Amino acid sequence: MTPHSGSPGPDSTTDLDSAQRLMTRFTAQLTTQLDRLGHGNRRGSHEGVRQGGRDRPPTLVAVAHGSRDPEALRTVTALLDRVRALRPGLPVRLGHIELNQPLLADTLAALRGEAVLVPLLLSRGYHTKQDIPDAVAAAPHLAARIAAPLGPDPLLAEALHARLAEAARRAGAPYGTGDGAPHGTGAAGVAAPHRAGVVLAAAGSRDPDAAVDVARTAALLSARLGGMPVLPGYASGSGPTVPEAVRALTALGHDRVAVASYFTAPGRFATQCANAVQELSATPRVAAAPLGAHPAVARLVVRRYEQAIASAPLSPPAATVGV
């Protein structure tokens, strides 16, 4: 029997069912995509947004100063290897303000999406307030946020403490830096702790905020050393210089003076400070290595990254996050 021309036949019914299934599937896919756009970051800002069905956290861009000393790049590279080990799957890139490749501008130009810039700098100053924001402003294709510099922070005091202990062991000098009371007795102690003092050698800056940050670090290190006096000394800026700080401690009766190197990596200022100290006396003084790839510094880099993301959504223009 031939169906009426106005009634759907078996083939027509099959076509309608197929079209309805196709529309249903399309609607479901569209809903899923819209949900990802609106709620892809519900599980926590540190996990990033869902794109293409997988989590893509913002890229961590570590911003180093740069140095002609080849050890500087090797040290920063080792530090970032530790950061990657702490956060597997987190994209980590390096950019230098000057003197080393890759330069920050080139690193940012090659990125897409979201980024958090973590200055591997130890205080506020011109680089954090001007150079890094200018670099981000020149990369408008990125949704970026600038984290606070690494210092001051108790984790840096921990790393400084460890570097002083390493230097004391190498020199066989009586600068015990074990836990507990200020330089107790035995293998990790000093017979007369009141005679010991530490100079915190830093780069220096004309920005008064930099001096405030270094002074806070000196206080944190003093507390970590059980109350041992810690005076800042600077390689540049308004001073006091490192030799002046050493002489000030000596004048106060602290004839066992060690120097903590408050630098992220080896470089001109770190070497300058170490050499200046050794020239002060015929007796070699304990001069610690820079912070370098100490595990506490790597943890702090991750902390600054997470603090920046938690502070507010990532969106242009870039903003600097304070702690």
Protein backbone atom coordinates (compact mmCIF):
# COMPACT_ATOMS: atom_id res chain seq x y z
CA MET A 1 0.00 0.00 0.00
CA THR A 2 1.36 3.34 -1.03
CA PRO A 3 1.35 5.92 1.80
CA HIS A 4 -0.40 9.25 1.35
CA SER A 5 1.94 12.01 0.16
CA GLY A 6 1.41 13.99 3.42
CA SER A 7 2.28 11.11 5.80
CA PRO A 8 5.87 10.29 6.77
CA GLY A 9 6.99 6.90 5.53
CA PRO A 10 9.48 4.58 7.27
CA ASP A 11 12.49 6.31 5.69
CA SER A 12 11.23 9.74 6.71
CA THR A 13 10.70 8.62 10.30
CA THR A 14 14.26 7.29 10.44
CA ASP A 15 15.60 10.59 9.14
CA LEU A 16 13.67 12.52 11.78
CA ASP A 17 14.95 10.30 14.57
CA SER A 18 18.54 10.75 13.35
CA ALA A 19 18.16 14.50 13.20
CA GLN A 20 16.73 14.62 16.70
CA ARG A 21 19.59 12.53 18.08
CA LEU A 22 22.09 14.79 16.33
CA MET A 23 20.47 17.91 17.80
CA THR A 24 20.42 16.35 21.26
CA ARG A 25 24.11 15.49 21.05
CA PHE A 26 24.98 18.94 19.72
CA THR A 27 23.04 20.62 22.56
CA ALA A 28 24.81 18.47 25.15
CA GLN A 29 28.21 19.31 23.69
CA LEU A 30 27.42 23.02 23.60
CA THR A 31 26.22 22.94 27.20
CA THR A 32 29.43 21.20 28.26
CA GLN A 33 31.58 23.77 26.51
CA LEU A 34 29.66 26.68 28.06
CA ASP A 35 29.98 25.07 31.47
CA ARG A 36 33.73 24.78 31.02
CA LEU A 37 33.98 28.43 30.07
CA GLY A 38 31.95 29.56 33.06
CA HIS A 39 33.05 27.12 35.72
CA GLY A 40 36.28 25.56 34.58
CA ASN A 41 38.14 26.99 37.55
CA ARG A 42 35.75 25.83 40.31
CA ARG A 43 38.18 23.33 41.80
CA GLY A 44 40.58 26.02 42.95
CA SER A 45 42.44 28.87 41.36
CA HIS A 46 45.81 27.14 41.74
CA GLU A 47 44.63 24.47 39.28
CA GLY A 48 44.04 26.94 36.48
CA VAL A 49 41.19 26.76 33.98
CA ARG A 50 40.01 23.75 32.03
CA GLN A 51 40.82 24.08 28.35
CA GLY A 52 40.50 21.29 25.86
CA GLY A 53 39.34 18.92 28.61
CA ARG A 54 42.44 19.24 30.83
CA ASP A 55 43.69 21.55 33.54
CA ARG A 56 46.16 24.17 32.38
CA PRO A 57 47.53 26.21 35.27
CA PRO A 58 48.97 29.64 34.56
CA THR A 59 52.62 29.56 33.57
CA LEU A 60 55.05 30.44 36.33
CA VAL A 61 57.57 32.90 34.91
CA ALA A 62 60.57 33.21 37.21
CA VAL A 63 62.16 36.63 36.75
CA ALA A 64 65.89 36.68 37.48
CA HIS A 65 68.10 39.74 37.41
CA GLY A 66 70.83 38.30 35.21
CA SER A 67 74.59 38.30 35.63
CA ARG A 68 77.78 37.95 33.63
CA ASP A 69 78.87 35.29 36.10
CA PRO A 70 78.12 31.94 34.39
CA GLU A 71 77.34 30.41 37.78
CA ALA A 72 74.31 32.67 38.07
CA LEU A 73 72.41 31.03 35.21
CA ARG A 74 73.39 27.55 36.37
CA THR A 75 72.17 28.34 39.87
CA VAL A 76 68.83 29.75 38.76
CA THR A 77 68.32 26.79 36.43
CA ALA A 78 68.92 24.41 39.35
CA LEU A 79 66.46 26.38 41.48
CA LEU A 80 63.75 26.09 38.84
CA ASP A 81 64.40 22.36 38.54
CA ARG A 82 63.52 22.14 42.24
CA VAL A 83 60.37 24.18 41.62
CA ARG A 84 59.30 21.79 38.86
CA ALA A 85 59.91 18.85 41.17
CA LEU A 86 57.62 20.45 43.78
CA ARG A 87 54.83 21.08 41.24
CA PRO A 88 54.95 18.45 38.47
CA GLY A 89 52.92 19.55 35.50
CA LEU A 90 53.26 23.24 36.26
CA PRO A 91 54.73 25.09 33.26
CA VAL A 92 57.79 27.01 34.47
CA ARG A 93 59.73 29.51 32.35
CA LEU A 94 62.67 31.81 33.01
CA GLY A 95 63.15 35.41 31.96
CA HIS A 96 66.01 37.78 32.82
CA ILE A 97 65.81 41.52 33.33
CA GLU A 98 69.22 41.95 31.73
CA LEU A 99 72.58 40.34 30.89
CA ASN A 100 71.34 36.77 30.33
CA GLN A 101 69.19 34.91 27.85
CA PRO A 102 66.29 34.46 27.71
CA LEU A 103 65.35 38.05 28.37
CA LEU A 104 62.01 38.57 30.09
CA ALA A 105 60.52 40.33 27.07
CA ASP A 106 61.31 37.34 24.86
CA THR A 107 59.89 34.87 27.35
CA LEU A 108 56.62 36.79 27.60
CA ALA A 109 56.37 37.22 23.83
CA ALA A 110 56.49 33.44 23.37
CA LEU A 111 53.72 32.73 25.90
CA ARG A 112 49.98 32.61 25.44
CA GLY A 113 47.13 32.54 27.92
CA GLU A 114 47.84 33.19 31.60
CA ALA A 115 51.07 33.78 33.47
CA VAL A 116 52.24 34.61 36.96
CA LEU A 117 55.58 36.41 37.19
CA VAL A 118 57.55 35.57 40.32
CA PRO A 119 60.53 37.90 40.81
CA LEU A 120 63.57 36.02 42.08
CA LEU A 121 64.44 39.26 43.84
CA LEU A 122 64.78 39.72 47.57
CA SER A 123 63.19 43.09 48.15
CA ARG A 124 61.06 45.76 46.60
CA GLY A 125 62.83 48.24 44.36
CA TYR A 126 63.09 49.63 40.85
CA HIS A 127 63.01 46.22 39.17
CA THR A 128 59.81 45.13 40.92
CA LYS A 129 58.11 48.50 40.64
CA GLN A 130 59.15 49.54 37.15
CA ASP A 131 61.06 47.06 35.00
CA ILE A 132 58.82 44.03 35.50
CA PRO A 133 55.49 45.90 35.19
CA ASP A 134 56.82 47.59 32.03
CA ALA A 135 57.68 44.19 30.55
CA VAL A 136 54.18 42.90 31.26
CA ALA A 137 52.59 46.03 29.83
CA ALA A 138 54.50 45.35 26.61
CA ALA A 139 52.86 41.90 26.40
CA PRO A 140 49.13 42.75 26.23
CA HIS A 141 48.33 39.34 24.75
CA LEU A 142 48.86 37.79 28.21
CA ALA A 143 46.59 37.73 31.24
CA ALA A 144 49.33 38.22 33.79
CA ARG A 145 49.88 38.91 37.46
CA ILE A 146 53.09 39.90 39.20
CA ALA A 147 53.80 38.22 42.52
CA ALA A 148 55.61 39.86 45.40
CA PRO A 149 59.40 39.51 45.55
CA LEU A 150 60.77 36.61 47.54
CA GLY A 151 61.89 38.69 50.50
CA PRO A 152 61.31 39.12 53.29
CA ASP A 153 60.07 35.71 54.40
CA PRO A 154 60.95 33.20 57.14
CA LEU A 155 61.86 30.66 54.46
CA LEU A 156 64.71 32.94 53.38
CA ALA A 157 65.92 33.13 56.99
CA GLU A 158 65.92 29.34 57.00
CA ALA A 159 68.00 29.21 53.81
CA LEU A 160 70.42 31.88 55.09
CA HIS A 161 70.82 29.95 58.32
CA ALA A 162 71.66 26.79 56.37
CA ARG A 163 74.22 28.57 54.18
CA LEU A 164 75.94 30.03 57.25
CA ALA A 165 76.13 26.58 58.81
CA GLU A 166 77.65 25.15 55.62
CA ALA A 167 80.26 27.93 55.49
CA ALA A 168 81.14 27.46 59.17
CA ARG A 169 81.68 23.73 58.68
CA ARG A 170 83.92 24.35 55.68
CA ALA A 171 85.99 26.93 57.58
CA GLY A 172 86.07 25.04 60.84
CA ALA A 173 85.02 28.29 62.49
CA PRO A 174 83.05 28.59 65.74
CA TYR A 175 79.78 29.73 64.21
CA GLY A 176 77.47 26.92 65.26
CA THR A 177 74.08 27.40 63.69
CA GLY A 178 72.15 24.50 65.05
CA ASP A 179 68.62 24.65 66.43
CA GLY A 180 67.88 25.90 69.91
CA ALA A 181 69.72 28.52 71.92
CA PRO A 182 72.06 30.93 70.17
CA HIS A 183 74.90 28.78 69.03
CA GLY A 184 74.89 26.26 71.86
CA THR A 185 77.74 24.01 72.79
CA GLY A 186 79.27 20.98 71.13
CA ALA A 187 79.64 20.38 67.42
CA ALA A 188 77.08 23.04 66.55
CA GLY A 189 77.83 25.58 69.27
CA VAL A 190 80.08 28.38 70.38
CA ALA A 191 81.67 28.77 73.79
CA ALA A 192 80.95 32.51 73.88
CA PRO A 193 77.85 33.22 71.71
CA HIS A 194 77.72 36.90 72.77
CA ARG A 195 80.95 37.47 70.83
CA ALA A 196 79.44 36.34 67.49
CA GLY A 197 77.56 38.48 65.00
CA VAL A 198 76.39 38.34 61.40
CA VAL A 199 76.38 40.87 58.59
CA LEU A 200 73.59 40.40 56.06
CA ALA A 201 75.24 41.37 52.77
CA ALA A 202 72.69 42.68 50.28
CA ALA A 203 72.79 44.43 46.92
CA GLY A 204 71.40 47.77 48.08
CA SER A 205 69.01 50.19 46.43
CA ARG A 206 68.05 53.85 46.46
CA ASP A 207 64.44 52.78 47.11
CA PRO A 208 63.73 53.09 50.86
CA ASP A 209 61.37 50.11 50.67
CA ALA A 210 64.34 47.91 49.82
CA ALA A 211 66.10 48.86 53.04
CA VAL A 212 62.92 48.13 55.01
CA ASP A 213 62.68 44.66 53.46
CA VAL A 214 66.34 43.85 54.14
CA ALA A 215 65.99 45.03 57.73
CA ARG A 216 63.02 42.70 58.18
CA THR A 217 65.08 39.82 56.84
CA ALA A 218 67.90 40.69 59.23
CA ALA A 219 65.41 40.50 62.11
CA LEU A 220 64.10 37.14 60.90
CA LEU A 221 67.64 35.77 60.61
CA SER A 222 68.53 37.07 64.06
CA ALA A 223 65.52 35.25 65.50
CA ARG A 224 66.51 32.09 63.64
CA LEU A 225 69.99 32.37 65.14
CA GLY A 226 68.59 32.64 68.64
CA GLY A 227 68.97 36.39 69.00
CA MET A 228 72.45 36.82 67.56
CA PRO A 229 72.87 40.40 66.24
CA VAL A 230 72.47 40.71 62.46
CA LEU A 231 73.28 44.01 60.73
CA PRO A 232 72.59 44.72 57.05
CA GLY A 233 75.48 45.78 54.84
CA TYR A 234 75.19 46.83 51.22
CA ALA A 235 77.20 46.54 48.04
CA SER A 236 75.61 49.71 46.66
CA GLY A 237 73.16 52.44 47.62
CA SER A 238 73.28 54.60 50.70
CA GLY A 239 75.00 52.08 52.97
CA PRO A 240 76.26 51.06 55.39
CA THR A 241 78.64 49.02 53.32
CA VAL A 242 79.48 45.45 54.29
CA PRO A 243 82.91 46.44 55.73
CA GLU A 244 81.27 49.24 57.73
CA ALA A 245 78.74 46.80 59.17
CA VAL A 246 81.53 44.38 60.11
CA ARG A 247 83.44 47.17 61.86
CA ALA A 248 80.27 48.26 63.68
CA LEU A 249 79.78 44.77 65.10
CA THR A 250 83.44 44.52 66.02
CA ALA A 251 83.26 47.84 67.86
CA LEU A 252 80.40 46.41 69.90
CA GLY A 253 82.57 43.51 70.98
CA HIS A 254 81.48 40.92 68.43
CA ASP A 255 84.83 39.73 67.17
CA ARG A 256 83.47 36.60 65.51
CA VAL A 257 81.65 38.10 62.53
CA ALA A 258 80.22 35.97 59.74
CA VAL A 259 78.70 37.26 56.52
CA ALA A 260 75.42 35.93 55.15
CA SER A 261 75.13 36.38 51.39
CA TYR A 262 71.65 37.74 50.71
CA PHE A 263 71.71 37.13 46.97
CA THR A 264 69.66 34.72 44.93
CA ALA A 265 72.66 33.56 42.90
CA PRO A 266 76.37 34.26 42.44
CA GLY A 267 77.24 37.50 40.71
CA ARG A 268 79.23 40.71 40.86
CA PHE A 269 77.75 42.04 44.11
CA ALA A 270 77.98 38.70 45.92
CA THR A 271 81.64 38.36 44.96
CA GLN A 272 82.34 42.00 45.82
CA CYS A 273 80.90 41.57 49.32
CA ALA A 274 82.79 38.35 50.01
CA ASN A 275 86.10 39.87 48.87
CA ALA A 276 85.59 43.03 50.91
CA VAL A 277 85.09 41.01 54.08
CA GLN A 278 88.23 38.94 53.62
CA GLU A 279 90.29 42.10 53.10
CA LEU A 280 89.30 43.43 56.53
CA SER A 281 91.42 41.04 58.54
CA ALA A 282 94.37 38.71 58.21
CA THR A 283 92.14 36.07 59.80
CA PRO A 284 89.67 34.68 57.23
CA ARG A 285 86.06 35.29 58.18
CA VAL A 286 83.13 33.00 57.50
CA ALA A 287 81.42 34.12 54.30
CA ALA A 288 78.40 32.09 53.26
CA ALA A 289 77.37 31.26 49.71
CA PRO A 290 74.32 32.92 48.13
CA LEU A 291 70.88 31.39 48.69
CA GLY A 292 70.99 29.53 45.39
CA ALA A 293 68.87 26.42 44.84
CA HIS A 294 68.20 25.78 48.52
CA PRO A 295 64.96 23.79 48.98
CA ALA A 296 63.45 26.55 51.14
CA VAL A 297 63.89 29.04 48.29
CA ALA A 298 62.16 26.68 45.86
CA ARG A 299 59.24 26.32 48.27
CA LEU A 300 59.05 30.09 48.54
CA VAL A 301 58.88 30.50 44.75
CA VAL A 302 55.87 28.15 44.68
CA ARG A 303 54.33 30.00 47.63
CA ARG A 304 54.59 33.38 45.88
CA TYR A 305 53.01 31.86 42.75
CA GLU A 306 50.10 30.46 44.73
CA GLN A 307 49.64 33.66 46.72
CA ALA A 308 49.41 35.66 43.51
CA ILE A 309 46.75 33.39 42.04
CA ALA A 310 44.74 33.27 45.25
CA SER A 311 44.71 37.05 45.60
CA ALA A 312 42.45 37.74 42.60
CA PRO A 313 41.49 36.39 39.17
CA LEU A 314 44.08 36.66 36.46
CA SER A 315 43.15 39.40 34.04
CA PRO A 316 44.85 42.23 32.17
CA PRO A 317 46.15 44.74 32.99
CA ALA A 318 48.70 43.11 35.24
CA ALA A 319 48.67 43.85 38.92
CA THR A 320 51.36 43.52 41.54
CA VAL A 321 50.47 41.39 44.54
CA GLY A 322 51.72 42.38 47.98
CA VAL A 323 52.13 40.05 50.95
